[in-house]
Amino acid sequence: MINQIIYYLIIGTMFTLIVDIATWYAHRRGVPVPQDAEWNWYTRSVAILVWPIGVVYFVVGLITALTNNNKK
């Protein structure tokens, strides 16, 4: 039981890290990132706990961005 909770939190932490790196990379490349996309520690903590919902939004946004780039 404890192992499953630890794995769940580790996956959530890795997801949050990936989102933070993606946001940083977008800033670096000059992609306009909305101000509300910047996460504070509270937002990161919530994302770690509800990461499956965040993964769905992330994948949908990624697919939308990739398909929009292919249309241009």
C-alpha atoms as a PDB file:
ATOM      1  CA  MET A   1       0.000   0.000   0.000  1.00  0.00           C
ATOM      2  CA  ILE A   2       2.735   2.456   0.956  1.00  0.00           C
ATOM      3  CA  ASN A   3       4.692   1.485  -2.170  1.00  0.00           C
ATOM      4  CA  GLN A   4       1.712   2.328  -4.376  1.00  0.00           C
ATOM      5  CA  ILE A   5       1.336   5.744  -2.742  1.00  0.00           C
ATOM      6  CA  ILE A   6       5.037   6.439  -3.178  1.00  0.00           C
ATOM      7  CA  TYR A   7       4.907   5.404  -6.857  1.00  0.00           C
ATOM      8  CA  TYR A   8       1.849   7.599  -7.392  1.00  0.00           C
ATOM      9  CA  LEU A   9       3.634  10.605  -5.870  1.00  0.00           C
ATOM     10  CA  ILE A  10       6.831   9.926  -7.830  1.00  0.00           C
ATOM     11  CA  ILE A  11       4.903   9.810 -11.104  1.00  0.00           C
ATOM     12  CA  GLY A  12       3.129  13.045 -10.143  1.00  0.00           C
ATOM     13  CA  THR A  13       6.455  14.681  -9.358  1.00  0.00           C
ATOM     14  CA  MET A  14       7.906  13.562 -12.685  1.00  0.00           C
ATOM     15  CA  PHE A  15       4.846  14.903 -14.524  1.00  0.00           C
ATOM     16  CA  THR A  16       5.180  18.253 -12.756  1.00  0.00           C
ATOM     17  CA  LEU A  17       8.869  18.371 -13.629  1.00  0.00           C
ATOM     18  CA  ILE A  18       8.104  17.709 -17.298  1.00  0.00           C
ATOM     19  CA  VAL A  19       5.504  20.492 -17.364  1.00  0.00           C
ATOM     20  CA  ASP A  20       7.935  22.917 -15.699  1.00  0.00           C
ATOM     21  CA  ILE A  21      10.670  22.046 -18.189  1.00  0.00           C
ATOM     22  CA  ALA A  22       8.242  22.397 -21.111  1.00  0.00           C
ATOM     23  CA  THR A  23       7.157  25.823 -19.875  1.00  0.00           C
ATOM     24  CA  TRP A  24      10.760  26.939 -19.426  1.00  0.00           C
ATOM     25  CA  TYR A  25      11.651  25.658 -22.896  1.00  0.00           C
ATOM     26  CA  ALA A  26       8.687  27.468 -24.448  1.00  0.00           C
ATOM     27  CA  HIS A  27       9.805  30.727 -22.806  1.00  0.00           C
ATOM     28  CA  ARG A  28      13.327  30.163 -24.082  1.00  0.00           C
ATOM     29  CA  ARG A  29      12.112  29.573 -27.651  1.00  0.00           C
ATOM     30  CA  GLY A  30       9.977  32.723 -27.580  1.00  0.00           C
ATOM     31  CA  VAL A  31       6.637  30.930 -27.568  1.00  0.00           C
ATOM     32  CA  PRO A  32       4.007  33.102 -25.883  1.00  0.00           C
ATOM     33  CA  VAL A  33       3.025  31.408 -22.626  1.00  0.00           C
ATOM     34  CA  PRO A  34       0.045  32.771 -20.672  1.00  0.00           C
ATOM     35  CA  GLN A  35       0.821  34.269 -17.274  1.00  0.00           C
ATOM     36  CA  ASP A  36      -1.444  31.741 -15.548  1.00  0.00           C
ATOM     37  CA  ALA A  37       0.740  28.937 -16.925  1.00  0.00           C
ATOM     38  CA  GLU A  38       3.414  29.833 -14.373  1.00  0.00           C
ATOM     39  CA  TRP A  39       3.120  27.428 -11.451  1.00  0.00           C
ATOM     40  CA  ASN A  40       3.819  28.245  -7.834  1.00  0.00           C
ATOM     41  CA  TRP A  41       4.448  25.655  -5.118  1.00  0.00           C
ATOM     42  CA  TYR A  42       0.755  25.290  -4.298  1.00  0.00           C
ATOM     43  CA  THR A  43      -0.086  24.564  -7.937  1.00  0.00           C
ATOM     44  CA  ARG A  44       2.773  22.086  -8.193  1.00  0.00           C
ATOM     45  CA  SER A  45       1.603  20.286  -5.046  1.00  0.00           C
ATOM     46  CA  VAL A  46      -1.941  19.979  -6.382  1.00  0.00           C
ATOM     47  CA  ALA A  47      -0.608  18.779  -9.751  1.00  0.00           C
ATOM     48  CA  ILE A  48       1.390  16.066  -8.000  1.00  0.00           C
ATOM     49  CA  LEU A  49      -1.770  14.834  -6.295  1.00  0.00           C
ATOM     50  CA  VAL A  50      -4.101  14.975  -9.335  1.00  0.00           C
ATOM     51  CA  TRP A  51      -1.579  14.205 -12.074  1.00  0.00           C
ATOM     52  CA  PRO A  52      -3.801  11.834 -14.100  1.00  0.00           C
ATOM     53  CA  ILE A  53      -6.115  14.754 -14.933  1.00  0.00           C
ATOM     54  CA  GLY A  54      -3.111  16.910 -15.789  1.00  0.00           C
ATOM     55  CA  VAL A  55      -1.705  14.228 -18.084  1.00  0.00           C
ATOM     56  CA  VAL A  56      -4.947  14.169 -20.071  1.00  0.00           C
ATOM     57  CA  TYR A  57      -4.887  17.967 -20.521  1.00  0.00           C
ATOM     58  CA  PHE A  58      -1.186  17.905 -21.381  1.00  0.00           C
ATOM     59  CA  VAL A  59      -1.616  15.216 -24.060  1.00  0.00           C
ATOM     60  CA  VAL A  60      -4.646  16.961 -25.585  1.00  0.00           C
ATOM     61  CA  GLY A  61      -2.764  20.274 -25.670  1.00  0.00           C
ATOM     62  CA  LEU A  62       0.305  18.632 -27.158  1.00  0.00           C
ATOM     63  CA  ILE A  63      -1.698  16.928 -29.906  1.00  0.00           C
ATOM     64  CA  THR A  64      -3.559  20.170 -30.646  1.00  0.00           C
ATOM     65  CA  ALA A  65      -0.304  22.134 -30.866  1.00  0.00           C
ATOM     66  CA  LEU A  66       1.331  19.545 -33.109  1.00  0.00           C
ATOM     67  CA  THR A  67      -1.636  19.349 -35.473  1.00  0.00           C
ATOM     68  CA  ASN A  68      -1.880  23.151 -35.660  1.00  0.00           C
ATOM     69  CA  ASN A  69       1.811  23.348 -36.574  1.00  0.00           C
ATOM     70  CA  ASN A  70       1.330  20.784 -39.334  1.00  0.00           C
ATOM     71  CA  LYS A  71      -1.565  22.775 -40.842  1.00  0.00           C
ATOM     72  CA  LYS A  72       0.546  25.946 -41.155  1.00  0.00           C
END
